Amino acid sequence: MDAERAKKLAEKYGLAYFETSAKTGQNVDEAFMHLARDVKRRVHETNEAPDDQPSKGFKIGGSGQQGTGGGGGSPQNPDNTPSSCPC
């Protein structure tokens, strides 16, 4: 897709536009960090729904089985043990 068409589509849908190169690494880190910050912001906003209103997205955390040793965690945390990840 040519750059002008991509820019117009990004603008139409309210998205960021980055020209990146996997070969040279140009703007790859910047695009990833922008995406990660946007996802974090949206998750945070979603989880701030008032108690009397359902959330519009997903909740951060487990299925309530954390620490039971029953497995079923993520590939990075298969035992569902508490994480020290600051994110």
PDB file of N, CA and C in Angstrom:
ATOM      1  N   MET A   1       0.859  -1.165   0.000  1.00  0.00           N
ATOM      2  CA  MET A   1       0.000   0.000   0.000  1.00  0.00           C
ATOM      3  C   MET A   1       0.906   1.229   0.000  1.00  0.00           C
ATOM      4  N   ASP A   2       0.553   2.210  -0.791  1.00  0.00           N
ATOM      5  CA  ASP A   2       1.378   3.411  -0.824  1.00  0.00           C
ATOM      6  C   ASP A   2       1.142   4.253   0.428  1.00  0.00           C
ATOM      7  N   ALA A   3       2.124   5.087   0.765  1.00  0.00           N
ATOM      8  CA  ALA A   3       2.120   5.852   2.006  1.00  0.00           C
ATOM      9  C   ALA A   3       0.926   6.795   2.117  1.00  0.00           C
ATOM     10  N   GLU A   4       0.573   7.455   1.033  1.00  0.00           N
ATOM     11  CA  GLU A   4      -0.545   8.409   1.088  1.00  0.00           C
ATOM     12  C   GLU A   4      -1.859   7.713   1.422  1.00  0.00           C
ATOM     13  N   ARG A   5      -2.100   6.569   0.816  1.00  0.00           N
ATOM     14  CA  ARG A   5      -3.328   5.828   1.098  1.00  0.00           C
ATOM     15  C   ARG A   5      -3.333   5.352   2.551  1.00  0.00           C
ATOM     16  N   ALA A   6      -2.208   4.882   3.026  1.00  0.00           N
ATOM     17  CA  ALA A   6      -2.100   4.424   4.418  1.00  0.00           C
ATOM     18  C   ALA A   6      -2.346   5.581   5.382  1.00  0.00           C
ATOM     19  N   LYS A   7      -1.780   6.727   5.094  1.00  0.00           N
ATOM     20  CA  LYS A   7      -1.989   7.908   5.952  1.00  0.00           C
ATOM     21  C   LYS A   7      -3.464   8.296   6.003  1.00  0.00           C
ATOM     22  N   LYS A   8      -4.130   8.270   4.854  1.00  0.00           N
ATOM     23  CA  LYS A   8      -5.547   8.633   4.802  1.00  0.00           C
ATOM     24  C   LYS A   8      -6.402   7.635   5.573  1.00  0.00           C
ATOM     25  N   LEU A   9      -6.109   6.346   5.449  1.00  0.00           N
ATOM     26  CA  LEU A   9      -6.856   5.332   6.203  1.00  0.00           C
ATOM     27  C   LEU A   9      -6.632   5.491   7.703  1.00  0.00           C
ATOM     28  N   ALA A  10      -5.394   5.738   8.099  1.00  0.00           N
ATOM     29  CA  ALA A  10      -5.095   5.938   9.516  1.00  0.00           C
ATOM     30  C   ALA A  10      -5.861   7.140  10.054  1.00  0.00           C
ATOM     31  N   GLU A  11      -5.872   8.212   9.303  1.00  0.00           N
ATOM     32  CA  GLU A  11      -6.598   9.415   9.722  1.00  0.00           C
ATOM     33  C   GLU A  11      -8.104   9.142   9.796  1.00  0.00           C
ATOM     34  N   LYS A  12      -8.634   8.447   8.806  1.00  0.00           N
ATOM     35  CA  LYS A  12     -10.062   8.135   8.767  1.00  0.00           C
ATOM     36  C   LYS A  12     -10.507   7.357  10.005  1.00  0.00           C
ATOM     37  N   TYR A  13      -9.680   6.414  10.449  1.00  0.00           N
ATOM     38  CA  TYR A  13     -10.041   5.560  11.577  1.00  0.00           C
ATOM     39  C   TYR A  13      -9.436   6.021  12.908  1.00  0.00           C
ATOM     40  N   GLY A  14      -8.794   7.192  12.908  1.00  0.00           N
ATOM     41  CA  GLY A  14      -8.235   7.737  14.137  1.00  0.00           C
ATOM     42  C   GLY A  14      -7.049   6.944  14.664  1.00  0.00           C
ATOM     43  N   LEU A  15      -6.241   6.430  13.765  1.00  0.00           N
ATOM     44  CA  LEU A  15      -5.091   5.615  14.145  1.00  0.00           C
ATOM     45  C   LEU A  15      -3.789   6.363  13.892  1.00  0.00           C
ATOM     46  N   ALA A  16      -2.760   5.952  14.594  1.00  0.00           N
ATOM     47  CA  ALA A  16      -1.435   6.516  14.360  1.00  0.00           C
ATOM     48  C   ALA A  16      -0.871   5.912  13.083  1.00  0.00           C
ATOM     49  N   TYR A  17      -0.037   6.662  12.412  1.00  0.00           N
ATOM     50  CA  TYR A  17       0.611   6.177  11.201  1.00  0.00           C
ATOM     51  C   TYR A  17       2.114   6.225  11.410  1.00  0.00           C
ATOM     52  N   PHE A  18       2.774   5.117  11.164  1.00  0.00           N
ATOM     53  CA  PHE A  18       4.229   5.043  11.247  1.00  0.00           C
ATOM     54  C   PHE A  18       4.739   4.351   9.996  1.00  0.00           C
ATOM     55  N   GLU A  19       5.752   4.919   9.384  1.00  0.00           N
ATOM     56  CA  GLU A  19       6.458   4.209   8.326  1.00  0.00           C
ATOM     57  C   GLU A  19       7.587   3.469   9.032  1.00  0.00           C
ATOM     58  N   THR A  20       7.606   2.149   8.893  1.00  0.00           N
ATOM     59  CA  THR A  20       8.602   1.335   9.583  1.00  0.00           C
ATOM     60  C   THR A  20       9.355   0.471   8.585  1.00  0.00           C
ATOM     61  N   SER A  21      10.481  -0.047   9.032  1.00  0.00           N
ATOM     62  CA  SER A  21      11.261  -0.970   8.218  1.00  0.00           C
ATOM     63  C   SER A  21      11.782  -2.085   9.108  1.00  0.00           C
ATOM     64  N   ALA A  22      11.362  -3.305   8.817  1.00  0.00           N
ATOM     65  CA  ALA A  22      11.898  -4.456   9.548  1.00  0.00           C
ATOM     66  C   ALA A  22      13.367  -4.669   9.183  1.00  0.00           C
ATOM     67  N   LYS A  23      13.721  -4.297   7.982  1.00  0.00           N
ATOM     68  CA  LYS A  23      15.100  -4.498   7.522  1.00  0.00           C
ATOM     69  C   LYS A  23      16.081  -3.598   8.260  1.00  0.00           C
ATOM     70  N   THR A  24      15.732  -2.318   8.390  1.00  0.00           N
ATOM     71  CA  THR A  24      16.648  -1.369   9.036  1.00  0.00           C
ATOM     72  C   THR A  24      16.278  -1.090  10.487  1.00  0.00           C
ATOM     73  N   GLY A  25      15.060  -1.462  10.876  1.00  0.00           N
ATOM     74  CA  GLY A  25      14.590  -1.184  12.234  1.00  0.00           C
ATOM     75  C   GLY A  25      14.027   0.217  12.404  1.00  0.00           C
ATOM     76  N   GLN A  26      13.952   0.972  11.315  1.00  0.00           N
ATOM     77  CA  GLN A  26      13.462   2.354  11.368  1.00  0.00           C
ATOM     78  C   GLN A  26      12.055   2.403  11.953  1.00  0.00           C
ATOM     79  N   ASN A  27      11.882   3.153  13.024  1.00  0.00           N
ATOM     80  CA  ASN A  27      10.600   3.428  13.680  1.00  0.00           C
ATOM     81  C   ASN A  27       9.902   2.203  14.272  1.00  0.00           C
ATOM     82  N   VAL A  28      10.545   1.045  14.297  1.00  0.00           N
ATOM     83  CA  VAL A  28       9.901  -0.142  14.839  1.00  0.00           C
ATOM     84  C   VAL A  28       9.671   0.027  16.338  1.00  0.00           C
ATOM     85  N   ASP A  29      10.700   0.457  17.069  1.00  0.00           N
ATOM     86  CA  ASP A  29      10.538   0.666  18.515  1.00  0.00           C
ATOM     87  C   ASP A  29       9.494   1.734  18.807  1.00  0.00           C
ATOM     88  N   GLU A  30       9.506   2.817  18.054  1.00  0.00           N
ATOM     89  CA  GLU A  30       8.555   3.892  18.270  1.00  0.00           C
ATOM     90  C   GLU A  30       7.126   3.417  18.028  1.00  0.00           C
ATOM     91  N   ALA A  31       6.908   2.665  16.964  1.00  0.00           N
ATOM     92  CA  ALA A  31       5.568   2.162  16.658  1.00  0.00           C
ATOM     93  C   ALA A  31       5.094   1.199  17.741  1.00  0.00           C
ATOM     94  N   PHE A  32       5.984   0.305  18.184  1.00  0.00           N
ATOM     95  CA  PHE A  32       5.616  -0.643  19.225  1.00  0.00           C
ATOM     96  C   PHE A  32       5.284   0.080  20.524  1.00  0.00           C
ATOM     97  N   MET A  33       6.105   1.025  20.934  1.00  0.00           N
ATOM     98  CA  MET A  33       5.869   1.739  22.191  1.00  0.00           C
ATOM     99  C   MET A  33       4.564   2.538  22.123  1.00  0.00           C
ATOM    100  N   HIS A  34       4.289   3.133  20.990  1.00  0.00           N
ATOM    101  CA  HIS A  34       3.030   3.868  20.831  1.00  0.00           C
ATOM    102  C   HIS A  34       1.845   2.911  20.995  1.00  0.00           C
ATOM    103  N   LEU A  35       1.923   1.770  20.341  1.00  0.00           N
ATOM    104  CA  LEU A  35       0.862   0.773  20.433  1.00  0.00           C
ATOM    105  C   LEU A  35       0.708   0.268  21.866  1.00  0.00           C
ATOM    106  N   ALA A  36       1.812  -0.037  22.523  1.00  0.00           N
ATOM    107  CA  ALA A  36       1.762  -0.548  23.896  1.00  0.00           C
ATOM    108  C   ALA A  36       1.145   0.479  24.844  1.00  0.00           C
ATOM    109  N   ARG A  37       1.534   1.749  24.712  1.00  0.00           N
ATOM    110  CA  ARG A  37       0.960   2.803  25.566  1.00  0.00           C
ATOM    111  C   ARG A  37      -0.536   2.950  25.314  1.00  0.00           C
ATOM    112  N   ASP A  38      -0.943   2.857  24.044  1.00  0.00           N
ATOM    113  CA  ASP A  38      -2.357   2.984  23.703  1.00  0.00           C
ATOM    114  C   ASP A  38      -3.161   1.820  24.284  1.00  0.00           C
ATOM    115  N   VAL A  39      -2.652   0.621  24.175  1.00  0.00           N
ATOM    116  CA  VAL A  39      -3.343  -0.538  24.743  1.00  0.00           C
ATOM    117  C   VAL A  39      -3.445  -0.390  26.259  1.00  0.00           C
ATOM    118  N   LYS A  40      -2.360   0.001  26.906  1.00  0.00           N
ATOM    119  CA  LYS A  40      -2.365   0.172  28.368  1.00  0.00           C
ATOM    120  C   LYS A  40      -3.382   1.233  28.781  1.00  0.00           C
ATOM    121  N   ARG A  41      -3.413   2.340  28.054  1.00  0.00           N
ATOM    122  CA  ARG A  41      -4.366   3.415  28.370  1.00  0.00           C
ATOM    123  C   ARG A  41      -5.802   2.923  28.217  1.00  0.00           C
ATOM    124  N   ARG A  42      -6.077   2.195  27.137  1.00  0.00           N
ATOM    125  CA  ARG A  42      -7.437   1.712  26.898  1.00  0.00           C
ATOM    126  C   ARG A  42      -7.861   0.677  27.930  1.00  0.00           C
ATOM    127  N   VAL A  43      -6.955  -0.200  28.319  1.00  0.00           N
ATOM    128  CA  VAL A  43      -7.263  -1.191  29.352  1.00  0.00           C
ATOM    129  C   VAL A  43      -7.548  -0.488  30.664  1.00  0.00           C
ATOM    130  N   HIS A  44      -6.732   0.493  30.999  1.00  0.00           N
ATOM    131  CA  HIS A  44      -6.927   1.246  32.244  1.00  0.00           C
ATOM    132  C   HIS A  44      -8.280   1.948  32.238  1.00  0.00           C
ATOM    133  N   GLU A  45      -8.627   2.584  31.129  1.00  0.00           N
ATOM    134  CA  GLU A  45      -9.921   3.268  31.026  1.00  0.00           C
ATOM    135  C   GLU A  45     -11.074   2.273  31.136  1.00  0.00           C
ATOM    136  N   THR A  46     -10.942   1.114  30.536  1.00  0.00           N
ATOM    137  CA  THR A  46     -11.979   0.088  30.569  1.00  0.00           C
ATOM    138  C   THR A  46     -12.204  -0.410  31.980  1.00  0.00           C
ATOM    139  N   ASN A  47     -11.149  -0.558  32.744  1.00  0.00           N
ATOM    140  CA  ASN A  47     -11.243  -1.094  34.095  1.00  0.00           C
ATOM    141  C   ASN A  47     -11.718  -0.067  35.118  1.00  0.00           C
ATOM    142  N   GLU A  48     -11.971   1.151  34.691  1.00  0.00           N
ATOM    143  CA  GLU A  48     -12.460   2.185  35.596  1.00  0.00           C
ATOM    144  C   GLU A  48     -13.968   2.348  35.542  1.00  0.00           C
ATOM    145  N   ALA A  49     -14.680   1.376  34.988  1.00  0.00           N
ATOM    146  CA  ALA A  49     -16.144   1.452  34.919  1.00  0.00           C
ATOM    147  C   ALA A  49     -16.718   1.453  36.330  1.00  0.00           C
ATOM    148  N   PRO A  50     -17.735   2.266  36.600  1.00  0.00           N
ATOM    149  CA  PRO A  50     -18.365   2.258  37.921  1.00  0.00           C
ATOM    150  C   PRO A  50     -18.876   0.864  38.271  1.00  0.00           C
ATOM    151  N   ASP A  51     -18.954   0.558  39.562  1.00  0.00           N
ATOM    152  CA  ASP A  51     -19.366  -0.767  40.019  1.00  0.00           C
ATOM    153  C   ASP A  51     -20.752  -1.159  39.524  1.00  0.00           C
ATOM    154  N   ASP A  52     -21.641  -0.180  39.320  1.00  0.00           N
ATOM    155  CA  ASP A  52     -22.994  -0.508  38.894  1.00  0.00           C
ATOM    156  C   ASP A  52     -23.117  -0.653  37.377  1.00  0.00           C
ATOM    157  N   GLN A  53     -21.998  -0.480  36.649  1.00  0.00           N
ATOM    158  CA  GLN A  53     -22.021  -0.624  35.200  1.00  0.00           C
ATOM    159  C   GLN A  53     -21.000  -1.674  34.790  1.00  0.00           C
ATOM    160  N   PRO A  54     -21.364  -2.555  33.856  1.00  0.00           N
ATOM    161  CA  PRO A  54     -20.414  -3.574  33.415  1.00  0.00           C
ATOM    162  C   PRO A  54     -19.254  -2.951  32.644  1.00  0.00           C
ATOM    163  N   SER A  55     -18.104  -3.579  32.726  1.00  0.00           N
ATOM    164  CA  SER A  55     -16.942  -3.145  31.979  1.00  0.00           C
ATOM    165  C   SER A  55     -17.174  -3.386  30.495  1.00  0.00           C
ATOM    166  N   LYS A  56     -16.595  -2.547  29.654  1.00  0.00           N
ATOM    167  CA  LYS A  56     -16.753  -2.698  28.210  1.00  0.00           C
ATOM    168  C   LYS A  56     -15.648  -3.536  27.591  1.00  0.00           C
ATOM    169  N   GLY A  57     -14.722  -4.024  28.389  1.00  0.00           N
ATOM    170  CA  GLY A  57     -13.602  -4.764  27.828  1.00  0.00           C
ATOM    171  C   GLY A  57     -13.243  -5.943  28.685  1.00  0.00           C
ATOM    172  N   PHE A  58     -11.983  -6.093  28.957  1.00  0.00           N
ATOM    173  CA  PHE A  58     -11.540  -7.204  29.767  1.00  0.00           C
ATOM    174  C   PHE A  58     -10.850  -6.683  31.010  1.00  0.00           C
ATOM    175  N   LYS A  59     -10.816  -7.499  32.027  1.00  0.00           N
ATOM    176  CA  LYS A  59     -10.178  -7.144  33.275  1.00  0.00           C
ATOM    177  C   LYS A  59      -8.780  -7.715  33.311  1.00  0.00           C
ATOM    178  N   ILE A  60      -7.869  -6.975  33.888  1.00  0.00           N
ATOM    179  CA  ILE A  60      -6.527  -7.488  34.090  1.00  0.00           C
ATOM    180  C   ILE A  60      -6.565  -8.367  35.323  1.00  0.00           C
ATOM    181  N   GLY A  61      -6.011  -9.550  35.218  1.00  0.00           N
ATOM    182  CA  GLY A  61      -5.991 -10.470  36.344  1.00  0.00           C
ATOM    183  C   GLY A  61      -6.415 -11.836  35.884  1.00  0.00           C
ATOM    184  N   GLY A  62      -6.418 -12.774  36.820  1.00  0.00           N
ATOM    185  CA  GLY A  62      -6.723 -14.151  36.493  1.00  0.00           C
ATOM    186  C   GLY A  62      -8.200 -14.441  36.551  1.00  0.00           C
ATOM    187  N   SER A  63      -8.507 -15.723  36.523  1.00  0.00           N
ATOM    188  CA  SER A  63      -9.893 -16.173  36.546  1.00  0.00           C
ATOM    189  C   SER A  63     -10.341 -16.502  37.953  1.00  0.00           C
ATOM    190  N   GLY A  64      -9.599 -16.013  38.950  1.00  0.00           N
ATOM    191  CA  GLY A  64      -9.946 -16.297  40.325  1.00  0.00           C
ATOM    192  C   GLY A  64      -9.280 -17.549  40.843  1.00  0.00           C
ATOM    193  N   GLN A  65      -8.457 -18.193  40.038  1.00  0.00           N
ATOM    194  CA  GLN A  65      -7.784 -19.413  40.441  1.00  0.00           C
ATOM    195  C   GLN A  65      -6.327 -19.163  40.801  1.00  0.00           C
ATOM    196  N   GLN A  66      -5.926 -17.917  40.892  1.00  0.00           N
ATOM    197  CA  GLN A  66      -4.534 -17.608  41.152  1.00  0.00           C
ATOM    198  C   GLN A  66      -4.074 -18.224  42.462  1.00  0.00           C
ATOM    199  N   GLY A  67      -2.921 -18.870  42.425  1.00  0.00           N
ATOM    200  CA  GLY A  67      -2.341 -19.434  43.632  1.00  0.00           C
ATOM    201  C   GLY A  67      -2.882 -20.797  43.999  1.00  0.00           C
ATOM    202  N   THR A  68      -3.766 -21.370  43.184  1.00  0.00           N
ATOM    203  CA  THR A  68      -4.326 -22.668  43.524  1.00  0.00           C
ATOM    204  C   THR A  68      -3.432 -23.804  43.074  1.00  0.00           C
ATOM    205  N   GLY A  69      -2.436 -23.505  42.241  1.00  0.00           N
ATOM    206  CA  GLY A  69      -1.536 -24.538  41.764  1.00  0.00           C
ATOM    207  C   GLY A  69      -2.171 -25.442  40.725  1.00  0.00           C
ATOM    208  N   GLY A  70      -3.320 -25.074  40.233  1.00  0.00           N
ATOM    209  CA  GLY A  70      -4.028 -25.902  39.270  1.00  0.00           C
ATOM    210  C   GLY A  70      -3.582 -25.700  37.840  1.00  0.00           C
ATOM    211  N   GLY A  71      -2.604 -24.860  37.621  1.00  0.00           N
ATOM    212  CA  GLY A  71      -2.151 -24.603  36.261  1.00  0.00           C
ATOM    213  C   GLY A  71      -3.151 -23.737  35.527  1.00  0.00           C
ATOM    214  N   GLY A  72      -3.077 -23.767  34.239  1.00  0.00           N
ATOM    215  CA  GLY A  72      -4.023 -23.018  33.425  1.00  0.00           C
ATOM    216  C   GLY A  72      -3.646 -21.564  33.246  1.00  0.00           C
ATOM    217  N   GLY A  73      -2.430 -21.201  33.612  1.00  0.00           N
ATOM    218  CA  GLY A  73      -1.990 -19.825  33.447  1.00  0.00           C
ATOM    219  C   GLY A  73      -1.538 -19.571  32.022  1.00  0.00           C
ATOM    220  N   SER A  74      -0.887 -18.460  31.830  1.00  0.00           N
ATOM    221  CA  SER A  74      -0.384 -18.120  30.510  1.00  0.00           C
ATOM    222  C   SER A  74       0.895 -18.902  30.234  1.00  0.00           C
ATOM    223  N   PRO A  75       1.346 -18.924  28.983  1.00  0.00           N
ATOM    224  CA  PRO A  75       2.599 -19.614  28.687  1.00  0.00           C
ATOM    225  C   PRO A  75       3.775 -19.042  29.480  1.00  0.00           C
ATOM    226  N   GLN A  76       3.740 -17.741  29.777  1.00  0.00           N
ATOM    227  CA  GLN A  76       4.806 -17.126  30.547  1.00  0.00           C
ATOM    228  C   GLN A  76       4.667 -17.427  32.039  1.00  0.00           C
ATOM    229  N   ASN A  77       3.478 -17.794  32.491  1.00  0.00           N
ATOM    230  CA  ASN A  77       3.197 -18.023  33.905  1.00  0.00           C
ATOM    231  C   ASN A  77       2.246 -19.214  34.031  1.00  0.00           C
ATOM    232  N   PRO A  78       2.715 -20.426  33.700  1.00  0.00           N
ATOM    233  CA  PRO A  78       1.808 -21.572  33.631  1.00  0.00           C
ATOM    234  C   PRO A  78       1.197 -21.980  34.965  1.00  0.00           C
ATOM    235  N   ASP A  79       1.812 -21.599  36.085  1.00  0.00           N
ATOM    236  CA  ASP A  79       1.279 -21.976  37.386  1.00  0.00           C
ATOM    237  C   ASP A  79       0.361 -20.928  37.990  1.00  0.00           C
ATOM    238  N   ASN A  80       0.159 -19.806  37.259  1.00  0.00           N
ATOM    239  CA  ASN A  80      -0.664 -18.702  37.766  1.00  0.00           C
ATOM    240  C   ASN A  80      -0.141 -18.145  39.076  1.00  0.00           C
ATOM    241  N   THR A  81       1.177 -18.149  39.253  1.00  0.00           N
ATOM    242  CA  THR A  81       1.756 -17.597  40.475  1.00  0.00           C
ATOM    243  C   THR A  81       1.817 -16.084  40.338  1.00  0.00           C
ATOM    244  N   PRO A  82       1.768 -15.371  41.459  1.00  0.00           N
ATOM    245  CA  PRO A  82       1.829 -13.906  41.384  1.00  0.00           C
ATOM    246  C   PRO A  82       3.091 -13.443  40.670  1.00  0.00           C
ATOM    247  N   SER A  83       2.966 -12.382  39.936  1.00  0.00           N
ATOM    248  CA  SER A  83       4.079 -11.858  39.150  1.00  0.00           C
ATOM    249  C   SER A  83       4.584 -10.565  39.768  1.00  0.00           C
ATOM    250  N   SER A  84       5.852 -10.280  39.554  1.00  0.00           N
ATOM    251  CA  SER A  84       6.408  -9.011  40.009  1.00  0.00           C
ATOM    252  C   SER A  84       6.475  -8.009  38.874  1.00  0.00           C
ATOM    253  N   CYS A  85       5.801  -8.306  37.766  1.00  0.00           N
ATOM    254  CA  CYS A  85       5.805  -7.422  36.608  1.00  0.00           C
ATOM    255  C   CYS A  85       5.168  -6.092  36.976  1.00  0.00           C
ATOM    256  N   PRO A  86       5.850  -4.953  36.734  1.00  0.00           N
ATOM    257  CA  PRO A  86       5.289  -3.649  37.074  1.00  0.00           C
ATOM    258  C   PRO A  86       4.197  -3.189  36.140  1.00  0.00           C
ATOM    259  N   CYS A  87       3.952  -3.922  35.056  1.00  0.00           N
ATOM    260  CA  CYS A  87       2.922  -3.493  34.113  1.00  0.00           C
ATOM    261  C   CYS A  87       1.599  -4.046  34.541  1.00  0.00           C
TER     262      CYS A  87
END
